[in-house]
C-alpha atoms as a PDB file:
ATOM      1  CA  MET A   1    -165.981 143.002  23.227  1.00  0.00           C
ATOM      2  CA  TRP A   2    -167.200 139.445  24.168  1.00  0.00           C
ATOM      3  CA  ARG A   3    -170.507 137.859  23.202  1.00  0.00           C
ATOM      4  CA  LEU A   4    -171.981 134.432  22.998  1.00  0.00           C
ATOM      5  CA  ILE A   5    -171.283 132.440  19.863  1.00  0.00           C
ATOM      6  CA  PRO A   6    -174.357 133.173  17.653  1.00  0.00           C
ATOM      7  CA  GLY A   7    -176.679 130.012  17.950  1.00  0.00           C
ATOM      8  CA  GLN A   8    -176.110 129.382  21.882  1.00  0.00           C
ATOM      9  CA  SER A   9    -179.203 129.182  23.642  1.00  0.00           C
ATOM     10  CA  LEU A  10    -177.554 128.345  26.954  1.00  0.00           C
ATOM     11  CA  ALA A  11    -180.001 125.656  27.815  1.00  0.00           C
ATOM     12  CA  HIS A  12    -178.877 124.647  31.383  1.00  0.00           C
ATOM     13  CA  ARG A  13    -179.706 123.561  34.733  1.00  0.00           C
ATOM     14  CA  CYS A  14    -178.845 124.101  38.533  1.00  0.00           C
ATOM     15  CA  TRP A  15    -178.237 122.150  41.209  1.00  0.00           C
ATOM     16  CA  MET A  16    -177.213 123.789  44.355  1.00  0.00           C
ATOM     17  CA  ASP A  17    -174.346 126.184  42.957  1.00  0.00           C
ATOM     18  CA  GLU A  18    -173.422 124.218  40.161  1.00  0.00           C
ATOM     19  CA  PHE A  19    -174.870 124.446  36.590  1.00  0.00           C
ATOM     20  CA  VAL A  20    -174.841 121.814  33.686  1.00  0.00           C
ATOM     21  CA  VAL A  21    -174.900 123.840  30.280  1.00  0.00           C
ATOM     22  CA  TYR A  22    -175.652 122.176  26.894  1.00  0.00           C
ATOM     23  CA  ASN A  23    -173.697 123.800  23.817  1.00  0.00           C
ATOM     24  CA  ASP A  24    -175.832 123.877  20.987  1.00  0.00           C
ATOM     25  CA  LEU A  25    -173.143 124.114  18.438  1.00  0.00           C
ATOM     26  CA  SER A  26    -170.934 121.019  19.651  1.00  0.00           C
ATOM     27  CA  GLY A  27    -173.520 118.877  21.438  1.00  0.00           C
ATOM     28  CA  ASP A  28    -171.156 119.013  24.632  1.00  0.00           C
ATOM     29  CA  THR A  29    -172.623 119.469  28.160  1.00  0.00           C
ATOM     30  CA  HIS A  30    -170.467 121.201  30.539  1.00  0.00           C
ATOM     31  CA  LEU A  31    -170.522 121.487  34.352  1.00  0.00           C
ATOM     32  CA  PHE A  32    -169.801 125.275  35.579  1.00  0.00           C
ATOM     33  CA  GLY A  33    -169.998 127.099  38.952  1.00  0.00           C
ATOM     34  CA  ALA A  34    -171.897 129.980  39.825  1.00  0.00           C
ATOM     35  CA  ASP A  35    -169.262 132.430  38.529  1.00  0.00           C
ATOM     36  CA  ALA A  36    -168.931 130.997  35.045  1.00  0.00           C
ATOM     37  CA  MET A  37    -172.717 130.826  34.660  1.00  0.00           C
ATOM     38  CA  GLN A  38    -173.018 134.355  36.027  1.00  0.00           C
ATOM     39  CA  VAL A  39    -170.652 135.465  32.799  1.00  0.00           C
ATOM     40  CA  LEU A  40    -172.467 133.543  30.177  1.00  0.00           C
ATOM     41  CA  LEU A  41    -175.893 134.766  31.230  1.00  0.00           C
ATOM     42  CA  CYS A  42    -174.583 138.349  31.101  1.00  0.00           C
ATOM     43  CA  LEU A  43    -173.227 137.677  27.790  1.00  0.00           C
ATOM     44  CA  ARG A  44    -176.609 136.371  26.637  1.00  0.00           C
ATOM     45  CA  GLU A  45    -177.870 139.788  27.263  1.00  0.00           C
ATOM     46  CA  GLY A  46    -175.367 141.309  24.633  1.00  0.00           C
ATOM     47  CA  PRO A  47    -171.752 141.674  23.681  1.00  0.00           C
ATOM     48  CA  VAL A  48    -169.751 143.616  26.418  1.00  0.00           C
ATOM     49  CA  ASP A  49    -166.016 144.154  27.007  1.00  0.00           C
ATOM     50  CA  ALA A  50    -164.065 142.814  29.855  1.00  0.00           C
ATOM     51  CA  ASP A  51    -164.409 145.887  31.888  1.00  0.00           C
ATOM     52  CA  ALA A  52    -168.182 146.392  31.808  1.00  0.00           C
ATOM     53  CA  LEU A  53    -168.571 142.806  32.391  1.00  0.00           C
ATOM     54  CA  ALA A  54    -166.470 143.083  35.540  1.00  0.00           C
ATOM     55  CA  LEU A  55    -168.606 145.611  36.746  1.00  0.00           C
ATOM     56  CA  ARG A  56    -171.907 143.750  35.885  1.00  0.00           C
ATOM     57  CA  ILE A  57    -170.773 140.675  37.753  1.00  0.00           C
ATOM     58  CA  GLY A  58    -169.400 142.813  40.625  1.00  0.00           C
ATOM     59  CA  ALA A  59    -165.867 141.425  40.112  1.00  0.00           C
ATOM     60  CA  GLY A  60    -163.266 143.618  42.081  1.00  0.00           C
ATOM     61  CA  PRO A  61    -160.059 144.674  40.662  1.00  0.00           C
ATOM     62  CA  HIS A  62    -158.499 141.497  42.292  1.00  0.00           C
ATOM     63  CA  GLU A  63    -160.784 139.451  40.675  1.00  0.00           C
ATOM     64  CA  GLN A  64    -160.229 140.743  37.114  1.00  0.00           C
ATOM     65  CA  GLU A  65    -157.677 138.701  36.243  1.00  0.00           C
ATOM     66  CA  SER A  66    -159.456 135.371  37.127  1.00  0.00           C
ATOM     67  CA  LEU A  67    -162.130 136.923  35.033  1.00  0.00           C
ATOM     68  CA  ALA A  68    -159.847 137.292  31.891  1.00  0.00           C
ATOM     69  CA  VAL A  69    -158.897 133.316  32.422  1.00  0.00           C
ATOM     70  CA  LEU A  70    -162.676 132.488  32.490  1.00  0.00           C
ATOM     71  CA  LEU A  71    -163.347 134.440  29.519  1.00  0.00           C
ATOM     72  CA  VAL A  72    -160.586 132.402  27.607  1.00  0.00           C
ATOM     73  CA  GLU A  73    -161.588 129.018  29.184  1.00  0.00           C
ATOM     74  CA  LEU A  74    -165.071 129.679  27.906  1.00  0.00           C
ATOM     75  CA  ALA A  75    -163.983 130.675  24.423  1.00  0.00           C
ATOM     76  CA  ALA A  76    -161.856 127.494  24.330  1.00  0.00           C
ATOM     77  CA  LEU A  77    -165.298 125.865  25.081  1.00  0.00           C
ATOM     78  CA  SER A  78    -166.723 127.389  22.085  1.00  0.00           C
ATOM     79  CA  LEU A  79    -169.331 129.443  24.144  1.00  0.00           C
ATOM     80  CA  ILE A  80    -168.140 132.751  23.974  1.00  0.00           C
ATOM     81  CA  GLU A  81    -165.962 134.836  21.332  1.00  0.00           C
ATOM     82  CA  GLN A  82    -164.380 137.892  21.150  1.00  0.00           C
ATOM     83  CA  ALA A  83    -166.510 140.127  18.729  1.00  0.00           C
END
């Protein structure tokens, strides 16, 4: 199961298909594409496993590997964690 790290509000702004996201816990600001933001917004709704998350965002079988990489990258930025 993946979830937002408690305390994240996902304050963000959008320009075209790029999103600037503020990390409430670290004070860092990150620039993401639409795919990463879609994952973060889905996780804001509550914890979910990778397979269910793939279904929610419409990721096909060939995109699940890139979703797994994205989840690890977002975790390394201290935005999400495995629950």
